[in-house]
Amino acid sequence: MTIMRYPHVCQEEGSLKVEFGPEMPGANRQPLWMVLDFGSSGEVVGVEVIKLVFDTGKRALEIVSQTVPTAGDGPRYAYDEESDCFALHLKPGPSLDQKGVDGSAVCDEKGRITALNATWEVSP
């Protein structure tokens, strides 16, 4: 039996999935507009979502806040309640490029985000 450590980040060419907890039966996908930040070698170093709680519900960050710290050198998150802006820093380093994409939040039956997904077109 494999024990998953969260957050679990899986990036392939043109897609990203960040898991904060196991996906349970009955999970639903909520469409989200997000901005991806790319580092020097094209890897995603961050994700920003405006109107996160408006789009997903007031319990959205309950699992994220239990599995991702708000400080440190590794993955961390920040949330500004006044502007309803969420930022997830996946790797250290500057953002050298950004791309706005249609993504989604996977939410459990209580409306808590268990994963974020994004896909984008890769330039040749």
PDB file of N, CA and C in Angstrom:
ATOM      1  N   MET A   1       0.842  -1.181   0.000  1.00  0.00           N
ATOM      2  CA  MET A   1       0.000   0.000   0.000  1.00  0.00           C
ATOM      3  C   MET A   1       0.884   1.240   0.000  1.00  0.00           C
ATOM      4  N   THR A   2       0.625   2.133  -0.949  1.00  0.00           N
ATOM      5  CA  THR A   2       1.389   3.365  -1.058  1.00  0.00           C
ATOM      6  C   THR A   2       0.694   4.468  -0.269  1.00  0.00           C
ATOM      7  N   ILE A   3       1.463   5.158   0.553  1.00  0.00           N
ATOM      8  CA  ILE A   3       0.926   6.285   1.306  1.00  0.00           C
ATOM      9  C   ILE A   3       1.253   7.554   0.533  1.00  0.00           C
ATOM     10  N   MET A   4       0.229   8.310   0.183  1.00  0.00           N
ATOM     11  CA  MET A   4       0.400   9.544  -0.582  1.00  0.00           C
ATOM     12  C   MET A   4       0.695  10.684   0.382  1.00  0.00           C
ATOM     13  N   ARG A   5       1.696  11.455   0.039  1.00  0.00           N
ATOM     14  CA  ARG A   5       2.009  12.658   0.804  1.00  0.00           C
ATOM     15  C   ARG A   5       1.445  13.847   0.046  1.00  0.00           C
ATOM     16  N   TYR A   6       0.830  14.737   0.787  1.00  0.00           N
ATOM     17  CA  TYR A   6       0.185  15.893   0.170  1.00  0.00           C
ATOM     18  C   TYR A   6       0.886  17.178   0.577  1.00  0.00           C
ATOM     19  N   PRO A   7       0.926  18.156  -0.302  1.00  0.00           N
ATOM     20  CA  PRO A   7       0.334  18.127  -1.636  1.00  0.00           C
ATOM     21  C   PRO A   7       1.155  17.254  -2.575  1.00  0.00           C
ATOM     22  N   HIS A   8       0.480  16.621  -3.510  1.00  0.00           N
ATOM     23  CA  HIS A   8       1.118  15.792  -4.528  1.00  0.00           C
ATOM     24  C   HIS A   8       0.957  16.517  -5.860  1.00  0.00           C
ATOM     25  N   VAL A   9       2.074  16.817  -6.500  1.00  0.00           N
ATOM     26  CA  VAL A   9       2.067  17.583  -7.744  1.00  0.00           C
ATOM     27  C   VAL A   9       2.462  16.669  -8.896  1.00  0.00           C
ATOM     28  N   CYS A  10       1.638  16.647  -9.926  1.00  0.00           N
ATOM     29  CA  CYS A  10       1.938  15.873 -11.125  1.00  0.00           C
ATOM     30  C   CYS A  10       1.841  16.809 -12.319  1.00  0.00           C
ATOM     31  N   GLN A  11       2.976  17.065 -12.957  1.00  0.00           N
ATOM     32  CA  GLN A  11       2.986  17.907 -14.147  1.00  0.00           C
ATOM     33  C   GLN A  11       3.525  17.111 -15.316  1.00  0.00           C
ATOM     34  N   GLU A  12       2.751  17.121 -16.379  1.00  0.00           N
ATOM     35  CA  GLU A  12       3.168  16.546 -17.647  1.00  0.00           C
ATOM     36  C   GLU A  12       3.087  17.652 -18.672  1.00  0.00           C
ATOM     37  N   GLU A  13       3.518  17.396 -19.881  1.00  0.00           N
ATOM     38  CA  GLU A  13       3.486  18.435 -20.903  1.00  0.00           C
ATOM     39  C   GLU A  13       2.053  18.887 -21.156  1.00  0.00           C
ATOM     40  N   GLY A  14       1.768  20.123 -20.810  1.00  0.00           N
ATOM     41  CA  GLY A  14       0.457  20.693 -21.039  1.00  0.00           C
ATOM     42  C   GLY A  14      -0.594  20.390 -19.990  1.00  0.00           C
ATOM     43  N   SER A  15      -0.206  19.795 -18.868  1.00  0.00           N
ATOM     44  CA  SER A  15      -1.196  19.524 -17.825  1.00  0.00           C
ATOM     45  C   SER A  15      -0.564  19.547 -16.435  1.00  0.00           C
ATOM     46  N   LEU A  16      -1.392  19.912 -15.477  1.00  0.00           N
ATOM     47  CA  LEU A  16      -0.971  19.984 -14.078  1.00  0.00           C
ATOM     48  C   LEU A  16      -2.099  19.485 -13.206  1.00  0.00           C
ATOM     49  N   LYS A  17      -1.759  18.669 -12.216  1.00  0.00           N
ATOM     50  CA  LYS A  17      -2.707  18.262 -11.181  1.00  0.00           C
ATOM     51  C   LYS A  17      -2.011  18.395  -9.842  1.00  0.00           C
ATOM     52  N   VAL A  18      -2.643  19.118  -8.928  1.00  0.00           N
ATOM     53  CA  VAL A  18      -2.135  19.256  -7.568  1.00  0.00           C
ATOM     54  C   VAL A  18      -3.186  18.655  -6.652  1.00  0.00           C
ATOM     55  N   GLU A  19      -2.823  17.579  -5.955  1.00  0.00           N
ATOM     56  CA  GLU A  19      -3.746  16.907  -5.046  1.00  0.00           C
ATOM     57  C   GLU A  19      -3.450  17.325  -3.613  1.00  0.00           C
ATOM     58  N   PHE A  20      -4.493  17.652  -2.878  1.00  0.00           N
ATOM     59  CA  PHE A  20      -4.374  18.046  -1.472  1.00  0.00           C
ATOM     60  C   PHE A  20      -4.903  16.958  -0.549  1.00  0.00           C
ATOM     61  N   GLY A  21      -5.596  15.997  -1.097  1.00  0.00           N
ATOM     62  CA  GLY A  21      -6.168  14.889  -0.353  1.00  0.00           C
ATOM     63  C   GLY A  21      -6.744  13.898  -1.338  1.00  0.00           C
ATOM     64  N   PRO A  22      -7.184  12.740  -0.855  1.00  0.00           N
ATOM     65  CA  PRO A  22      -7.726  11.733  -1.767  1.00  0.00           C
ATOM     66  C   PRO A  22      -9.043  12.192  -2.377  1.00  0.00           C
ATOM     67  N   GLU A  23      -9.249  11.810  -3.638  1.00  0.00           N
ATOM     68  CA  GLU A  23     -10.517  12.112  -4.302  1.00  0.00           C
ATOM     69  C   GLU A  23     -11.528  11.050  -3.897  1.00  0.00           C
ATOM     70  N   MET A  24     -12.623  11.496  -3.325  1.00  0.00           N
ATOM     71  CA  MET A  24     -13.641  10.583  -2.814  1.00  0.00           C
ATOM     72  C   MET A  24     -14.757  10.379  -3.836  1.00  0.00           C
ATOM     73  N   PRO A  25     -15.476   9.278  -3.713  1.00  0.00           N
ATOM     74  CA  PRO A  25     -16.649   9.098  -4.569  1.00  0.00           C
ATOM     75  C   PRO A  25     -17.610  10.274  -4.350  1.00  0.00           C
ATOM     76  N   GLY A  26     -18.237  10.712  -5.404  1.00  0.00           N
ATOM     77  CA  GLY A  26     -19.159  11.832  -5.290  1.00  0.00           C
ATOM     78  C   GLY A  26     -18.499  13.188  -5.446  1.00  0.00           C
ATOM     79  N   ALA A  27     -17.198  13.191  -5.746  1.00  0.00           N
ATOM     80  CA  ALA A  27     -16.497  14.463  -5.948  1.00  0.00           C
ATOM     81  C   ALA A  27     -17.054  15.157  -7.186  1.00  0.00           C
ATOM     82  N   ASN A  28     -17.046  16.483  -7.150  1.00  0.00           N
ATOM     83  CA  ASN A  28     -17.495  17.220  -8.326  1.00  0.00           C
ATOM     84  C   ASN A  28     -16.408  18.171  -8.772  1.00  0.00           C
ATOM     85  N   ARG A  29     -16.454  18.522 -10.035  1.00  0.00           N
ATOM     86  CA  ARG A  29     -15.473  19.431 -10.607  1.00  0.00           C
ATOM     87  C   ARG A  29     -16.111  20.790 -10.827  1.00  0.00           C
ATOM     88  N   GLN A  30     -15.432  21.795 -10.290  1.00  0.00           N
ATOM     89  CA  GLN A  30     -15.897  23.173 -10.418  1.00  0.00           C
ATOM     90  C   GLN A  30     -14.959  23.910 -11.368  1.00  0.00           C
ATOM     91  N   PRO A  31     -15.460  24.433 -12.500  1.00  0.00           N
ATOM     92  CA  PRO A  31     -14.585  25.174 -13.417  1.00  0.00           C
ATOM     93  C   PRO A  31     -14.008  26.414 -12.743  1.00  0.00           C
ATOM     94  N   LEU A  32     -12.739  26.691 -13.026  1.00  0.00           N
ATOM     95  CA  LEU A  32     -12.046  27.859 -12.473  1.00  0.00           C
ATOM     96  C   LEU A  32     -11.162  28.482 -13.542  1.00  0.00           C
ATOM     97  N   TRP A  33     -11.108  29.784 -13.566  1.00  0.00           N
ATOM     98  CA  TRP A  33     -10.120  30.492 -14.374  1.00  0.00           C
ATOM     99  C   TRP A  33      -8.899  30.660 -13.483  1.00  0.00           C
ATOM    100  N   MET A  34      -7.729  30.288 -13.975  1.00  0.00           N
ATOM    101  CA  MET A  34      -6.510  30.409 -13.174  1.00  0.00           C
ATOM    102  C   MET A  34      -5.360  30.914 -14.024  1.00  0.00           C
ATOM    103  N   VAL A  35      -4.372  31.433 -13.344  1.00  0.00           N
ATOM    104  CA  VAL A  35      -3.147  31.882 -13.995  1.00  0.00           C
ATOM    105  C   VAL A  35      -2.030  30.969 -13.518  1.00  0.00           C
ATOM    106  N   LEU A  36      -1.300  30.404 -14.463  1.00  0.00           N
ATOM    107  CA  LEU A  36      -0.150  29.563 -14.146  1.00  0.00           C
ATOM    108  C   LEU A  36       1.123  30.384 -14.307  1.00  0.00           C
ATOM    109  N   ASP A  37       2.025  30.249 -13.356  1.00  0.00           N
ATOM    110  CA  ASP A  37       3.335  30.896 -13.408  1.00  0.00           C
ATOM    111  C   ASP A  37       4.364  29.848 -13.803  1.00  0.00           C
ATOM    112  N   PHE A  38       5.180  30.174 -14.806  1.00  0.00           N
ATOM    113  CA  PHE A  38       6.181  29.233 -15.311  1.00  0.00           C
ATOM    114  C   PHE A  38       7.583  29.703 -14.968  1.00  0.00           C
ATOM    115  N   GLY A  39       8.444  28.748 -14.595  1.00  0.00           N
ATOM    116  CA  GLY A  39       9.836  29.026 -14.283  1.00  0.00           C
ATOM    117  C   GLY A  39      10.723  28.952 -15.513  1.00  0.00           C
ATOM    118  N   SER A  40      12.028  28.987 -15.283  1.00  0.00           N
ATOM    119  CA  SER A  40      13.009  29.079 -16.366  1.00  0.00           C
ATOM    120  C   SER A  40      13.022  27.877 -17.309  1.00  0.00           C
ATOM    121  N   SER A  41      12.668  26.703 -16.829  1.00  0.00           N
ATOM    122  CA  SER A  41      12.676  25.531 -17.717  1.00  0.00           C
ATOM    123  C   SER A  41      11.266  25.105 -18.126  1.00  0.00           C
ATOM    124  N   GLY A  42      10.295  26.019 -17.991  1.00  0.00           N
ATOM    125  CA  GLY A  42       8.948  25.740 -18.435  1.00  0.00           C
ATOM    126  C   GLY A  42       8.066  25.024 -17.432  1.00  0.00           C
ATOM    127  N   GLU A  43       8.586  24.771 -16.232  1.00  0.00           N
ATOM    128  CA  GLU A  43       7.806  24.096 -15.204  1.00  0.00           C
ATOM    129  C   GLU A  43       6.878  25.094 -14.510  1.00  0.00           C
ATOM    130  N   VAL A  44       5.738  24.610 -14.040  1.00  0.00           N
ATOM    131  CA  VAL A  44       4.809  25.461 -13.306  1.00  0.00           C
ATOM    132  C   VAL A  44       5.363  25.674 -11.901  1.00  0.00           C
ATOM    133  N   VAL A  45       5.564  26.941 -11.541  1.00  0.00           N
ATOM    134  CA  VAL A  45       6.076  27.269 -10.202  1.00  0.00           C
ATOM    135  C   VAL A  45       4.990  27.842  -9.306  1.00  0.00           C
ATOM    136  N   GLY A  46       3.845  28.197  -9.893  1.00  0.00           N
ATOM    137  CA  GLY A  46       2.770  28.744  -9.083  1.00  0.00           C
ATOM    138  C   GLY A  46       1.437  28.756  -9.815  1.00  0.00           C
ATOM    139  N   VAL A  47       0.376  28.870  -9.017  1.00  0.00           N
ATOM    140  CA  VAL A  47      -0.994  28.913  -9.535  1.00  0.00           C
ATOM    141  C   VAL A  47      -1.715  30.026  -8.778  1.00  0.00           C
ATOM    142  N   GLU A  48      -2.437  30.851  -9.512  1.00  0.00           N
ATOM    143  CA  GLU A  48      -3.229  31.907  -8.885  1.00  0.00           C
ATOM    144  C   GLU A  48      -4.672  31.784  -9.342  1.00  0.00           C
ATOM    145  N   VAL A  49      -5.591  31.955  -8.393  1.00  0.00           N
ATOM    146  CA  VAL A  49      -7.017  31.888  -8.703  1.00  0.00           C
ATOM    147  C   VAL A  49      -7.695  33.086  -8.052  1.00  0.00           C
ATOM    148  N   ILE A  50      -8.390  33.866  -8.854  1.00  0.00           N
ATOM    149  CA  ILE A  50      -9.179  34.976  -8.337  1.00  0.00           C
ATOM    150  C   ILE A  50     -10.622  34.494  -8.232  1.00  0.00           C
ATOM    151  N   LYS A  51     -11.302  34.873  -7.173  1.00  0.00           N
ATOM    152  CA  LYS A  51     -12.679  34.461  -6.888  1.00  0.00           C
ATOM    153  C   LYS A  51     -12.759  32.978  -6.528  1.00  0.00           C
ATOM    154  N   LEU A  52     -11.774  32.471  -5.813  1.00  0.00           N
ATOM    155  CA  LEU A  52     -11.762  31.047  -5.480  1.00  0.00           C
ATOM    156  C   LEU A  52     -12.972  30.657  -4.639  1.00  0.00           C
ATOM    157  N   VAL A  53     -13.192  31.334  -3.523  1.00  0.00           N
ATOM    158  CA  VAL A  53     -14.294  30.968  -2.637  1.00  0.00           C
ATOM    159  C   VAL A  53     -15.642  31.320  -3.275  1.00  0.00           C
ATOM    160  N   PHE A  54     -15.699  32.403  -4.020  1.00  0.00           N
ATOM    161  CA  PHE A  54     -16.930  32.757  -4.723  1.00  0.00           C
ATOM    162  C   PHE A  54     -17.337  31.630  -5.670  1.00  0.00           C
ATOM    163  N   ASP A  55     -16.355  31.053  -6.380  1.00  0.00           N
ATOM    164  CA  ASP A  55     -16.632  30.001  -7.357  1.00  0.00           C
ATOM    165  C   ASP A  55     -16.805  28.615  -6.745  1.00  0.00           C
ATOM    166  N   THR A  56     -16.191  28.363  -5.587  1.00  0.00           N
ATOM    167  CA  THR A  56     -16.202  27.003  -5.043  1.00  0.00           C
ATOM    168  C   THR A  56     -16.940  26.854  -3.721  1.00  0.00           C
ATOM    169  N   GLY A  57     -17.117  27.922  -2.954  1.00  0.00           N
ATOM    170  CA  GLY A  57     -17.819  27.842  -1.673  1.00  0.00           C
ATOM    171  C   GLY A  57     -16.914  28.150  -0.497  1.00  0.00           C
ATOM    172  N   LYS A  58     -17.547  28.478   0.637  1.00  0.00           N
ATOM    173  CA  LYS A  58     -16.793  28.965   1.800  1.00  0.00           C
ATOM    174  C   LYS A  58     -15.921  27.910   2.473  1.00  0.00           C
ATOM    175  N   ARG A  59     -16.156  26.642   2.221  1.00  0.00           N
ATOM    176  CA  ARG A  59     -15.336  25.589   2.841  1.00  0.00           C
ATOM    177  C   ARG A  59     -14.184  25.136   1.943  1.00  0.00           C
ATOM    178  N   ALA A  60     -13.987  25.833   0.832  1.00  0.00           N
ATOM    179  CA  ALA A  60     -13.036  25.421  -0.201  1.00  0.00           C
ATOM    180  C   ALA A  60     -11.643  25.115   0.331  1.00  0.00           C
ATOM    181  N   LEU A  61     -11.127  25.912   1.230  1.00  0.00           N
ATOM    182  CA  LEU A  61      -9.726  25.783   1.639  1.00  0.00           C
ATOM    183  C   LEU A  61      -9.505  24.927   2.889  1.00  0.00           C
ATOM    184  N   GLU A  62     -10.516  24.258   3.385  1.00  0.00           N
ATOM    185  CA  GLU A  62     -10.351  23.486   4.619  1.00  0.00           C
ATOM    186  C   GLU A  62      -9.297  22.386   4.508  1.00  0.00           C
ATOM    187  N   ILE A  63      -9.258  21.655   3.415  1.00  0.00           N
ATOM    188  CA  ILE A  63      -8.253  20.589   3.253  1.00  0.00           C
ATOM    189  C   ILE A  63      -6.902  21.197   2.875  1.00  0.00           C
ATOM    190  N   VAL A  64      -6.912  22.202   1.986  1.00  0.00           N
ATOM    191  CA  VAL A  64      -5.667  22.863   1.585  1.00  0.00           C
ATOM    192  C   VAL A  64      -4.947  23.391   2.821  1.00  0.00           C
ATOM    193  N   SER A  65      -5.662  24.029   3.727  1.00  0.00           N
ATOM    194  CA  SER A  65      -5.033  24.620   4.916  1.00  0.00           C
ATOM    195  C   SER A  65      -4.463  23.572   5.868  1.00  0.00           C
ATOM    196  N   GLN A  66      -4.917  22.324   5.757  1.00  0.00           N
ATOM    197  CA  GLN A  66      -4.389  21.244   6.599  1.00  0.00           C
ATOM    198  C   GLN A  66      -3.186  20.545   5.987  1.00  0.00           C
ATOM    199  N   THR A  67      -2.989  20.685   4.670  1.00  0.00           N
ATOM    200  CA  THR A  67      -1.924  19.937   4.006  1.00  0.00           C
ATOM    201  C   THR A  67      -0.821  20.805   3.414  1.00  0.00           C
ATOM    202  N   VAL A  68      -1.063  22.108   3.304  1.00  0.00           N
ATOM    203  CA  VAL A  68      -0.082  23.000   2.689  1.00  0.00           C
ATOM    204  C   VAL A  68       0.211  24.132   3.671  1.00  0.00           C
ATOM    205  N   PRO A  69       1.494  24.366   3.984  1.00  0.00           N
ATOM    206  CA  PRO A  69       1.824  25.467   4.896  1.00  0.00           C
ATOM    207  C   PRO A  69       1.663  26.830   4.219  1.00  0.00           C
ATOM    208  N   THR A  70       1.693  27.864   5.021  1.00  0.00           N
ATOM    209  CA  THR A  70       1.620  29.230   4.496  1.00  0.00           C
ATOM    210  C   THR A  70       2.990  29.898   4.460  1.00  0.00           C
ATOM    211  N   ALA A  71       4.025  29.202   4.890  1.00  0.00           N
ATOM    212  CA  ALA A  71       5.383  29.756   4.866  1.00  0.00           C
ATOM    213  C   ALA A  71       6.364  28.619   4.594  1.00  0.00           C
ATOM    214  N   GLY A  72       7.586  28.997   4.207  1.00  0.00           N
ATOM    215  CA  GLY A  72       8.631  28.010   3.970  1.00  0.00           C
ATOM    216  C   GLY A  72       9.118  28.036   2.538  1.00  0.00           C
ATOM    217  N   ASP A  73      10.090  27.170   2.249  1.00  0.00           N
ATOM    218  CA  ASP A  73      10.701  27.115   0.921  1.00  0.00           C
ATOM    219  C   ASP A  73       9.985  26.164  -0.027  1.00  0.00           C
ATOM    220  N   GLY A  74       9.248  25.220   0.510  1.00  0.00           N
ATOM    221  CA  GLY A  74       8.540  24.254  -0.329  1.00  0.00           C
ATOM    222  C   GLY A  74       7.186  24.781  -0.747  1.00  0.00           C
ATOM    223  N   PRO A  75       6.317  23.892  -1.165  1.00  0.00           N
ATOM    224  CA  PRO A  75       4.974  24.343  -1.531  1.00  0.00           C
ATOM    225  C   PRO A  75       4.321  25.097  -0.373  1.00  0.00           C
ATOM    226  N   ARG A  76       3.660  26.192  -0.714  1.00  0.00           N
ATOM    227  CA  ARG A  76       2.958  26.988   0.293  1.00  0.00           C
ATOM    228  C   ARG A  76       1.840  27.742  -0.402  1.00  0.00           C
ATOM    229  N   TYR A  77       0.897  28.210   0.400  1.00  0.00           N
ATOM    230  CA  TYR A  77      -0.207  28.946  -0.192  1.00  0.00           C
ATOM    231  C   TYR A  77      -0.465  30.227   0.571  1.00  0.00           C
ATOM    232  N   ALA A  78      -1.165  31.124  -0.095  1.00  0.00           N
ATOM    233  CA  ALA A  78      -1.620  32.368   0.518  1.00  0.00           C
ATOM    234  C   ALA A  78      -3.041  32.612   0.036  1.00  0.00           C
ATOM    235  N   TYR A  79      -3.848  33.185   0.908  1.00  0.00           N
ATOM    236  CA  TYR A  79      -5.213  33.522   0.533  1.00  0.00           C
ATOM    237  C   TYR A  79      -5.553  34.883   1.123  1.00  0.00           C
ATOM    238  N   ASP A  80      -6.039  35.772   0.280  1.00  0.00           N
ATOM    239  CA  ASP A  80      -6.474  37.095   0.712  1.00  0.00           C
ATOM    240  C   ASP A  80      -7.996  37.095   0.687  1.00  0.00           C
ATOM    241  N   GLU A  81      -8.590  37.080   1.870  1.00  0.00           N
ATOM    242  CA  GLU A  81     -10.043  36.988   1.980  1.00  0.00           C
ATOM    243  C   GLU A  81     -10.746  38.212   1.391  1.00  0.00           C
ATOM    244  N   GLU A  82     -10.158  39.380   1.579  1.00  0.00           N
ATOM    245  CA  GLU A  82     -10.788  40.606   1.096  1.00  0.00           C
ATOM    246  C   GLU A  82     -10.944  40.614  -0.427  1.00  0.00           C
ATOM    247  N   SER A  83      -9.915  40.163  -1.132  1.00  0.00           N
ATOM    248  CA  SER A  83      -9.982  40.146  -2.595  1.00  0.00           C
ATOM    249  C   SER A  83     -10.346  38.769  -3.158  1.00  0.00           C
ATOM    250  N   ASP A  84     -10.483  37.757  -2.282  1.00  0.00           N
ATOM    251  CA  ASP A  84     -10.802  36.384  -2.673  1.00  0.00           C
ATOM    252  C   ASP A  84      -9.783  35.857  -3.682  1.00  0.00           C
ATOM    253  N   CYS A  85      -8.497  36.112  -3.394  1.00  0.00           N
ATOM    254  CA  CYS A  85      -7.397  35.664  -4.256  1.00  0.00           C
ATOM    255  C   CYS A  85      -6.588  34.577  -3.556  1.00  0.00           C
ATOM    256  N   PHE A  86      -6.339  33.502  -4.282  1.00  0.00           N
ATOM    257  CA  PHE A  86      -5.588  32.353  -3.796  1.00  0.00           C
ATOM    258  C   PHE A  86      -4.319  32.220  -4.615  1.00  0.00           C
ATOM    259  N   ALA A  87      -3.195  32.010  -3.948  1.00  0.00           N
ATOM    260  CA  ALA A  87      -1.920  31.782  -4.634  1.00  0.00           C
ATOM    261  C   ALA A  87      -1.277  30.526  -4.057  1.00  0.00           C
ATOM    262  N   LEU A  88      -0.872  29.640  -4.930  1.00  0.00           N
ATOM    263  CA  LEU A  88      -0.189  28.412  -4.538  1.00  0.00           C
ATOM    264  C   LEU A  88       1.200  28.440  -5.150  1.00  0.00           C
ATOM    265  N   HIS A  89       2.221  28.473  -4.300  1.00  0.00           N
ATOM    266  CA  HIS A  89       3.612  28.466  -4.754  1.00  0.00           C
ATOM    267  C   HIS A  89       4.093  27.019  -4.691  1.00  0.00           C
ATOM    268  N   LEU A  90       4.444  26.473  -5.847  1.00  0.00           N
ATOM    269  CA  LEU A  90       4.837  25.066  -5.911  1.00  0.00           C
ATOM    270  C   LEU A  90       6.336  24.860  -5.772  1.00  0.00           C
ATOM    271  N   LYS A  91       7.110  25.781  -6.333  1.00  0.00           N
ATOM    272  CA  LYS A  91       8.571  25.660  -6.325  1.00  0.00           C
ATOM    273  C   LYS A  91       9.179  27.028  -6.093  1.00  0.00           C
ATOM    274  N   PRO A  92      10.371  27.061  -5.491  1.00  0.00           N
ATOM    275  CA  PRO A  92      11.025  28.362  -5.341  1.00  0.00           C
ATOM    276  C   PRO A  92      11.500  28.883  -6.694  1.00  0.00           C
ATOM    277  N   GLY A  93      11.671  30.159  -6.764  1.00  0.00           N
ATOM    278  CA  GLY A  93      12.164  30.760  -7.996  1.00  0.00           C
ATOM    279  C   GLY A  93      11.148  31.705  -8.586  1.00  0.00           C
ATOM    280  N   PRO A  94      11.644  32.567  -9.457  1.00  0.00           N
ATOM    281  CA  PRO A  94      10.761  33.584 -10.037  1.00  0.00           C
ATOM    282  C   PRO A  94       9.859  33.023 -11.135  1.00  0.00           C
ATOM    283  N   SER A  95       8.764  33.714 -11.334  1.00  0.00           N
ATOM    284  CA  SER A  95       7.882  33.428 -12.462  1.00  0.00           C
ATOM    285  C   SER A  95       8.401  34.223 -13.649  1.00  0.00           C
ATOM    286  N   LEU A  96       8.768  33.528 -14.718  1.00  0.00           N
ATOM    287  CA  LEU A  96       9.292  34.191 -15.909  1.00  0.00           C
ATOM    288  C   LEU A  96       8.250  34.318 -17.014  1.00  0.00           C
ATOM    289  N   ASP A  97       7.133  33.619 -16.867  1.00  0.00           N
ATOM    290  CA  ASP A  97       6.073  33.678 -17.853  1.00  0.00           C
ATOM    291  C   ASP A  97       4.771  33.296 -17.150  1.00  0.00           C
ATOM    292  N   GLN A  98       3.661  33.777 -17.678  1.00  0.00           N
ATOM    293  CA  GLN A  98       2.343  33.445 -17.135  1.00  0.00           C
ATOM    294  C   GLN A  98       1.401  33.085 -18.261  1.00  0.00           C
ATOM    295  N   LYS A  99       0.412  32.258 -17.921  1.00  0.00           N
ATOM    296  CA  LYS A  99      -0.595  31.882 -18.906  1.00  0.00           C
ATOM    297  C   LYS A  99      -1.921  31.722 -18.169  1.00  0.00           C
ATOM    298  N   GLY A 100      -2.966  32.417 -18.661  1.00  0.00           N
ATOM    299  CA  GLY A 100      -4.305  32.247 -18.132  1.00  0.00           C
ATOM    300  C   GLY A 100      -4.952  31.034 -18.774  1.00  0.00           C
ATOM    301  N   VAL A 101      -5.522  30.150 -17.954  1.00  0.00           N
ATOM    302  CA  VAL A 101      -6.093  28.903 -18.467  1.00  0.00           C
ATOM    303  C   VAL A 101      -7.417  28.588 -17.781  1.00  0.00           C
ATOM    304  N   ASP A 102      -8.225  27.802 -18.460  1.00  0.00           N
ATOM    305  CA  ASP A 102      -9.410  27.228 -17.836  1.00  0.00           C
ATOM    306  C   ASP A 102      -8.952  25.987 -17.092  1.00  0.00           C
ATOM    307  N   GLY A 103      -9.252  25.936 -15.816  1.00  0.00           N
ATOM    308  CA  GLY A 103      -8.896  24.785 -15.004  1.00  0.00           C
ATOM    309  C   GLY A 103     -10.101  24.334 -14.216  1.00  0.00           C
ATOM    310  N   SER A 104      -9.855  23.529 -13.189  1.00  0.00           N
ATOM    311  CA  SER A 104     -10.961  23.083 -12.351  1.00  0.00           C
ATOM    312  C   SER A 104     -10.464  22.757 -10.955  1.00  0.00           C
ATOM    313  N   ALA A 105     -11.397  22.835 -10.025  1.00  0.00           N
ATOM    314  CA  ALA A 105     -11.169  22.378  -8.660  1.00  0.00           C
ATOM    315  C   ALA A 105     -11.992  21.117  -8.479  1.00  0.00           C
ATOM    316  N   VAL A 106     -11.377  20.088  -7.912  1.00  0.00           N
ATOM    317  CA  VAL A 106     -12.111  18.881  -7.550  1.00  0.00           C
ATOM    318  C   VAL A 106     -12.519  19.076  -6.093  1.00  0.00           C
ATOM    319  N   CYS A 107     -13.811  19.047  -5.829  1.00  0.00           N
ATOM    320  CA  CYS A 107     -14.325  19.294  -4.478  1.00  0.00           C
ATOM    321  C   CYS A 107     -15.040  18.051  -3.958  1.00  0.00           C
ATOM    322  N   ASP A 108     -14.878  17.788  -2.658  1.00  0.00           N
ATOM    323  CA  ASP A 108     -15.589  16.669  -2.051  1.00  0.00           C
ATOM    324  C   ASP A 108     -17.043  17.055  -1.788  1.00  0.00           C
ATOM    325  N   GLU A 109     -17.788  16.146  -1.195  1.00  0.00           N
ATOM    326  CA  GLU A 109     -19.220  16.379  -0.983  1.00  0.00           C
ATOM    327  C   GLU A 109     -19.502  17.549  -0.036  1.00  0.00           C
ATOM    328  N   LYS A 110     -18.499  17.981   0.727  1.00  0.00           N
ATOM    329  CA  LYS A 110     -18.659  19.129   1.631  1.00  0.00           C
ATOM    330  C   LYS A 110     -18.197  20.434   0.999  1.00  0.00           C
ATOM    331  N   GLY A 111     -17.746  20.379  -0.267  1.00  0.00           N
ATOM    332  CA  GLY A 111     -17.298  21.575  -0.961  1.00  0.00           C
ATOM    333  C   GLY A 111     -15.849  21.942  -0.703  1.00  0.00           C
ATOM    334  N   ARG A 112     -15.072  21.012  -0.160  1.00  0.00           N
ATOM    335  CA  ARG A 112     -13.648  21.255   0.125  1.00  0.00           C
ATOM    336  C   ARG A 112     -12.807  20.812  -1.061  1.00  0.00           C
ATOM    337  N   ILE A 113     -11.866  21.641  -1.450  1.00  0.00           N
ATOM    338  CA  ILE A 113     -11.013  21.322  -2.597  1.00  0.00           C
ATOM    339  C   ILE A 113     -10.055  20.200  -2.227  1.00  0.00           C
ATOM    340  N   THR A 114     -10.062  19.135  -3.056  1.00  0.00           N
ATOM    341  CA  THR A 114      -9.106  18.044  -2.874  1.00  0.00           C
ATOM    342  C   THR A 114      -8.040  18.052  -3.963  1.00  0.00           C
ATOM    343  N   ALA A 115      -8.272  18.807  -5.059  1.00  0.00           N
ATOM    344  CA  ALA A 115      -7.286  18.889  -6.132  1.00  0.00           C
ATOM    345  C   ALA A 115      -7.591  20.084  -7.024  1.00  0.00           C
ATOM    346  N   LEU A 116      -6.549  20.566  -7.692  1.00  0.00           N
ATOM    347  CA  LEU A 116      -6.673  21.562  -8.743  1.00  0.00           C
ATOM    348  C   LEU A 116      -6.106  20.950 -10.019  1.00  0.00           C
ATOM    349  N   ASN A 117      -6.789  21.181 -11.140  1.00  0.00           N
ATOM    350  CA  ASN A 117      -6.354  20.668 -12.440  1.00  0.00           C
ATOM    351  C   ASN A 117      -6.270  21.808 -13.439  1.00  0.00           C
ATOM    352  N   ALA A 118      -5.313  21.725 -14.343  1.00  0.00           N
ATOM    353  CA  ALA A 118      -5.205  22.701 -15.420  1.00  0.00           C
ATOM    354  C   ALA A 118      -4.598  22.035 -16.643  1.00  0.00           C
ATOM    355  N   THR A 119      -5.028  22.457 -17.811  1.00  0.00           N
ATOM    356  CA  THR A 119      -4.405  22.044 -19.071  1.00  0.00           C
ATOM    357  C   THR A 119      -4.185  23.278 -19.917  1.00  0.00           C
ATOM    358  N   TRP A 120      -3.193  23.224 -20.792  1.00  0.00           N
ATOM    359  CA  TRP A 120      -2.884  24.350 -21.664  1.00  0.00           C
ATOM    360  C   TRP A 120      -2.201  23.858 -22.913  1.00  0.00           C
ATOM    361  N   GLU A 121      -2.246  24.723 -23.914  1.00  0.00           N
ATOM    362  CA  GLU A 121      -1.569  24.441 -25.174  1.00  0.00           C
ATOM    363  C   GLU A 121      -0.079  24.675 -24.996  1.00  0.00           C
ATOM    364  N   VAL A 122       0.710  23.733 -25.462  1.00  0.00           N
ATOM    365  CA  VAL A 122       2.164  23.862 -25.384  1.00  0.00           C
ATOM    366  C   VAL A 122       2.675  24.393 -26.721  1.00  0.00           C
ATOM    367  N   SER A 123       3.457  25.446 -26.668  1.00  0.00           N
ATOM    368  CA  SER A 123       4.028  26.020 -27.894  1.00  0.00           C
ATOM    369  C   SER A 123       5.071  25.090 -28.468  1.00  0.00           C
ATOM    370  N   PRO A 124       5.118  24.964 -29.795  1.00  0.00           N
ATOM    371  CA  PRO A 124       6.113  24.068 -30.423  1.00  0.00           C
ATOM    372  C   PRO A 124       7.526  24.584 -30.271  1.00  0.00           C
TER     373      PRO A 124
END
